[in-house]
């Protein structure tokens, strides 16, 4: 018998997580198509096909969420698949940022335009928010399934204001995907925790990586793009 909390977690994966991941995938596909049309290239002759490769794990992750949280496989097996795909996505995010920086260094030879840098930075930043928001969602308290099955939040990886002060929350409150996406958004903009605090080393590591990628993508790449557009 599936509890109502677990049903809500399944609906959250299908109705929220899958569309957000699909949005990131569409962003990379659009960047690939525009790069091919405009003949945009990165360092070492890396072209539009790289962005299509970056879109593949997002597509696989969206499909996994759309299929639900279990069905014909156990919840733990599904979580292992999601964790593996998120690990690939986070690794690709670091590689994408490094390639953009390397391309900036060689910009005089590559003739990188402002629109190329700006579109690349926007897609990278938005996908960064989605990827790390999902990573927080999967990490905290063992993921959405374990949170749904638990009677209350015990030893969370991320402390929300409602954890510290239960009077701020409605009865039975538990964080949902949008809470983690908000955390990811503020962390990528402020480059530090705001209202929610990381408590465990994995949570701190994820927030550190996201902040490092965001500060490069937002402050360095986007600023360089604006400088090219308005010399």
Protein backbone atom coordinates (compact mmCIF):
# COMPACT_ATOMS: atom_id res chain seq x y z
CA UNK A 1 0.00 0.00 0.00
CA UNK A 2 1.50 3.31 -1.11
CA UNK A 3 1.12 6.15 1.39
CA UNK A 4 -0.16 9.56 0.38
CA UNK A 5 3.26 11.09 1.13
CA UNK A 6 4.90 8.64 -1.26
CA UNK A 7 2.29 9.34 -3.92
CA UNK A 8 3.10 13.03 -3.56
CA UNK A 9 6.81 12.29 -4.00
CA UNK A 10 6.05 10.33 -7.18
CA UNK A 11 3.91 13.19 -8.51
CA UNK A 12 6.73 15.59 -7.65
CA UNK A 13 9.23 13.56 -9.66
CA UNK A 14 6.94 13.31 -12.69
CA UNK A 15 5.27 16.71 -12.58
CA UNK A 16 8.15 18.93 -11.42
CA UNK A 17 11.55 17.22 -11.63
CA UNK A 18 11.06 15.78 -15.13
CA UNK A 19 9.93 19.11 -16.71
CA UNK A 20 12.77 21.08 -15.10
CA UNK A 21 15.35 18.56 -16.36
CA UNK A 22 13.74 18.62 -19.80
CA UNK A 23 14.09 22.42 -19.79
CA UNK A 24 17.83 22.12 -19.21
CA UNK A 25 18.06 19.53 -22.00
CA UNK A 26 16.19 21.83 -24.41
CA UNK A 27 18.59 24.65 -23.50
CA UNK A 28 21.62 22.59 -24.51
CA UNK A 29 19.94 21.36 -27.70
CA UNK A 30 19.08 24.95 -28.64
CA UNK A 31 22.67 26.01 -27.93
CA UNK A 32 23.92 23.17 -30.14
CA UNK A 33 21.62 24.15 -33.02
CA UNK A 34 22.53 27.83 -32.79
CA UNK A 35 26.23 26.95 -32.55
CA UNK A 36 25.97 24.82 -35.69
CA UNK A 37 24.09 27.52 -37.57
CA UNK A 38 26.46 30.32 -36.53
CA UNK A 39 29.57 28.12 -36.77
CA UNK A 40 30.47 28.78 -33.13
CA UNK A 41 33.42 26.82 -31.77
CA UNK A 42 35.18 26.36 -28.47
CA UNK A 43 38.85 25.75 -27.84
CA UNK A 44 40.64 22.91 -29.69
CA UNK A 45 38.02 22.90 -32.43
CA UNK A 46 35.20 21.68 -30.17
CA UNK A 47 31.97 22.55 -31.92
CA UNK A 48 28.22 22.31 -31.61
CA UNK A 49 28.24 18.53 -31.04
CA UNK A 50 29.67 19.02 -27.53
CA UNK A 51 26.45 20.70 -26.39
CA UNK A 52 24.43 17.77 -27.73
CA UNK A 53 26.57 15.42 -25.66
CA UNK A 54 25.86 17.61 -22.62
CA UNK A 55 22.12 17.27 -23.29
CA UNK A 56 22.15 13.44 -23.28
CA UNK A 57 22.33 12.83 -19.48
CA UNK A 58 19.59 15.42 -18.97
CA UNK A 59 17.38 13.50 -21.39
CA UNK A 60 18.08 10.23 -19.58
CA UNK A 61 17.38 11.86 -16.21
CA UNK A 62 14.10 13.39 -17.43
CA UNK A 63 13.01 9.97 -18.68
CA UNK A 64 13.91 8.37 -15.36
CA UNK A 65 11.83 10.90 -13.42
CA UNK A 66 8.93 10.62 -15.88
CA UNK A 67 8.83 6.87 -15.25
CA UNK A 68 8.24 7.48 -11.54
CA UNK A 69 10.20 6.65 -8.43
CA UNK A 70 10.01 2.90 -8.56
CA UNK A 71 7.64 0.89 -10.72
CA UNK A 72 9.46 -2.28 -11.82
CA UNK A 73 12.67 -1.50 -9.93
CA UNK A 74 13.28 -0.79 -6.29
CA UNK A 75 13.49 2.75 -5.00
CA UNK A 76 17.16 2.30 -4.11
CA UNK A 77 18.04 1.12 -7.63
CA UNK A 78 16.26 4.13 -9.10
CA UNK A 79 18.11 6.43 -6.71
CA UNK A 80 21.43 4.87 -7.76
CA UNK A 81 20.59 5.60 -11.42
CA UNK A 82 19.60 9.20 -10.61
CA UNK A 83 22.69 9.75 -8.48
CA UNK A 84 24.92 8.42 -11.25
CA UNK A 85 23.30 10.68 -13.87
CA UNK A 86 23.55 13.69 -11.57
CA UNK A 87 27.23 12.90 -11.00
CA UNK A 88 27.78 12.91 -14.77
CA UNK A 89 25.86 16.17 -15.13
CA UNK A 90 27.81 17.91 -12.36
CA UNK A 91 31.10 16.70 -13.87
CA UNK A 92 30.05 17.96 -17.30
CA UNK A 93 29.15 21.32 -15.76
CA UNK A 94 32.71 21.70 -14.50
CA UNK A 95 34.09 20.65 -17.91
CA UNK A 96 31.79 23.07 -19.75
CA UNK A 97 32.91 25.95 -17.56
CA UNK A 98 36.57 25.05 -18.03
CA UNK A 99 36.13 24.90 -21.82
CA UNK A 100 34.48 28.32 -21.89
CA UNK A 101 37.32 29.81 -19.86
CA UNK A 102 39.92 28.17 -22.09
CA UNK A 103 38.06 29.49 -25.12
CA UNK A 104 38.15 33.00 -23.66
CA UNK A 105 41.92 32.73 -23.31
CA UNK A 106 42.12 31.86 -27.02
CA UNK A 107 39.36 34.28 -28.02
CA UNK A 108 41.64 36.23 -30.35
CA UNK A 109 42.20 33.12 -32.46
CA UNK A 110 38.70 31.69 -32.13
CA UNK A 111 36.90 34.98 -32.71
CA UNK A 112 34.33 34.20 -30.04
CA UNK A 113 31.43 36.62 -30.26
CA UNK A 114 29.45 38.27 -27.50
CA UNK A 115 26.23 36.40 -28.39
CA UNK A 116 28.09 33.08 -28.24
CA UNK A 117 29.49 33.76 -24.79
CA UNK A 118 26.26 35.24 -23.48
CA UNK A 119 24.05 32.35 -24.66
CA UNK A 120 26.57 29.80 -23.40
CA UNK A 121 26.72 31.49 -19.99
CA UNK A 122 22.93 31.68 -19.66
CA UNK A 123 22.41 28.03 -20.60
CA UNK A 124 25.21 26.95 -18.29
CA UNK A 125 23.85 29.03 -15.38
CA UNK A 126 20.24 27.82 -15.73
CA UNK A 127 21.29 24.18 -16.12
CA UNK A 128 23.60 24.65 -13.14
CA UNK A 129 20.67 25.76 -10.96
CA UNK A 130 18.51 22.83 -12.06
CA UNK A 131 21.26 20.23 -11.70
CA UNK A 132 22.33 21.28 -8.22
CA UNK A 133 18.74 21.81 -7.07
CA UNK A 134 18.04 18.20 -8.01
CA UNK A 135 21.26 17.10 -6.34
CA UNK A 136 20.18 18.75 -3.08
CA UNK A 137 16.72 17.19 -3.49
CA UNK A 138 18.25 13.72 -3.86
CA UNK A 139 20.82 14.18 -1.10
CA UNK A 140 18.82 15.62 1.79
CA UNK A 141 17.69 12.92 4.25
CA UNK A 142 18.34 10.18 1.70
CA UNK A 143 16.18 11.56 -1.11
CA UNK A 144 12.45 12.12 -1.71
CA UNK A 145 11.42 8.51 -1.10
CA UNK A 146 13.08 8.23 2.30
CA UNK A 147 11.72 11.65 3.27
CA UNK A 148 8.24 10.50 2.28
CA UNK A 149 8.53 7.26 4.26
CA UNK A 150 10.00 8.89 7.38
CA UNK A 151 7.72 10.11 10.14
CA UNK A 152 9.83 13.23 10.62
CA UNK A 153 13.05 14.82 9.40
CA UNK A 154 16.01 13.30 11.25
CA UNK A 155 19.68 14.34 10.74
CA UNK A 156 19.02 16.39 7.60
CA UNK A 157 21.84 17.27 5.21
CA UNK A 158 20.34 20.74 4.73
CA UNK A 159 18.72 22.73 7.51
CA UNK A 160 15.77 24.86 6.47
CA UNK A 161 14.33 27.60 8.75
CA UNK A 162 11.35 25.31 9.40
CA UNK A 163 13.72 22.66 10.81
CA UNK A 164 15.15 25.11 13.31
CA UNK A 165 11.83 26.72 14.18
CA UNK A 166 8.89 24.32 13.61
CA UNK A 167 6.40 27.07 14.43
CA UNK A 168 7.18 28.60 11.02
CA UNK A 169 5.94 25.49 9.20
CA UNK A 170 2.50 24.01 8.65
CA UNK A 171 1.84 20.64 10.32
CA UNK A 172 3.55 17.82 8.42
CA UNK A 173 5.80 20.21 6.47
CA UNK A 174 8.63 18.71 4.46
CA UNK A 175 10.78 20.39 1.79
CA UNK A 176 9.84 19.85 -1.85
CA UNK A 177 11.75 20.26 -5.08
CA UNK A 178 10.98 23.97 -5.37
CA UNK A 179 12.56 24.53 -1.95
CA UNK A 180 15.79 22.95 -3.20
CA UNK A 181 15.66 24.85 -6.49
CA UNK A 182 15.28 28.07 -4.52
CA UNK A 183 18.31 27.08 -2.44
CA UNK A 184 20.24 26.36 -5.64
CA UNK A 185 19.22 29.69 -7.16
CA UNK A 186 20.24 31.77 -4.15
CA UNK A 187 23.50 29.84 -3.79
CA UNK A 188 24.34 30.51 -7.45
CA UNK A 189 23.62 34.23 -7.09
CA UNK A 190 24.93 34.99 -3.61
CA UNK A 191 27.74 32.39 -3.86
CA UNK A 192 26.91 31.36 -0.28
CA UNK A 193 24.04 29.88 1.77
CA UNK A 194 21.14 32.20 2.52
CA UNK A 195 18.20 30.83 4.51
CA UNK A 196 19.13 27.12 4.31
CA UNK A 197 22.41 25.84 5.70
CA UNK A 198 24.45 22.77 4.64
CA UNK A 199 25.11 20.48 7.61
CA UNK A 200 26.98 17.53 6.10
CA UNK A 201 30.18 17.37 4.07
CA UNK A 202 28.43 16.19 0.85
CA UNK A 203 26.01 19.14 1.06
CA UNK A 204 28.87 21.57 1.67
CA UNK A 205 30.84 20.09 -1.23
CA UNK A 206 27.90 20.45 -3.62
CA UNK A 207 27.28 24.04 -2.58
CA UNK A 208 30.98 24.86 -2.98
CA UNK A 209 31.10 23.41 -6.50
CA UNK A 210 27.93 25.23 -7.53
CA UNK A 211 29.19 28.56 -6.17
CA UNK A 212 32.53 28.14 -7.97
CA UNK A 213 30.86 27.33 -11.29
CA UNK A 214 28.35 30.15 -10.92
CA UNK A 215 30.88 32.82 -10.04
CA UNK A 216 32.85 31.92 -13.15
CA UNK A 217 29.80 31.71 -15.43
CA UNK A 218 28.06 34.83 -14.12
CA UNK A 219 30.89 37.18 -13.22
CA UNK A 220 33.60 36.20 -15.68
CA UNK A 221 31.99 34.80 -18.82
CA UNK A 222 28.90 37.01 -18.86
CA UNK A 223 30.96 40.12 -18.04
CA UNK A 224 33.34 39.32 -20.89
CA UNK A 225 30.36 38.83 -23.23
CA UNK A 226 28.94 42.24 -22.34
CA UNK A 227 32.39 43.76 -22.87
CA UNK A 228 32.53 42.26 -26.36
CA UNK A 229 29.02 43.46 -27.16
CA UNK A 230 29.74 46.98 -25.89
CA UNK A 231 33.46 47.69 -26.32
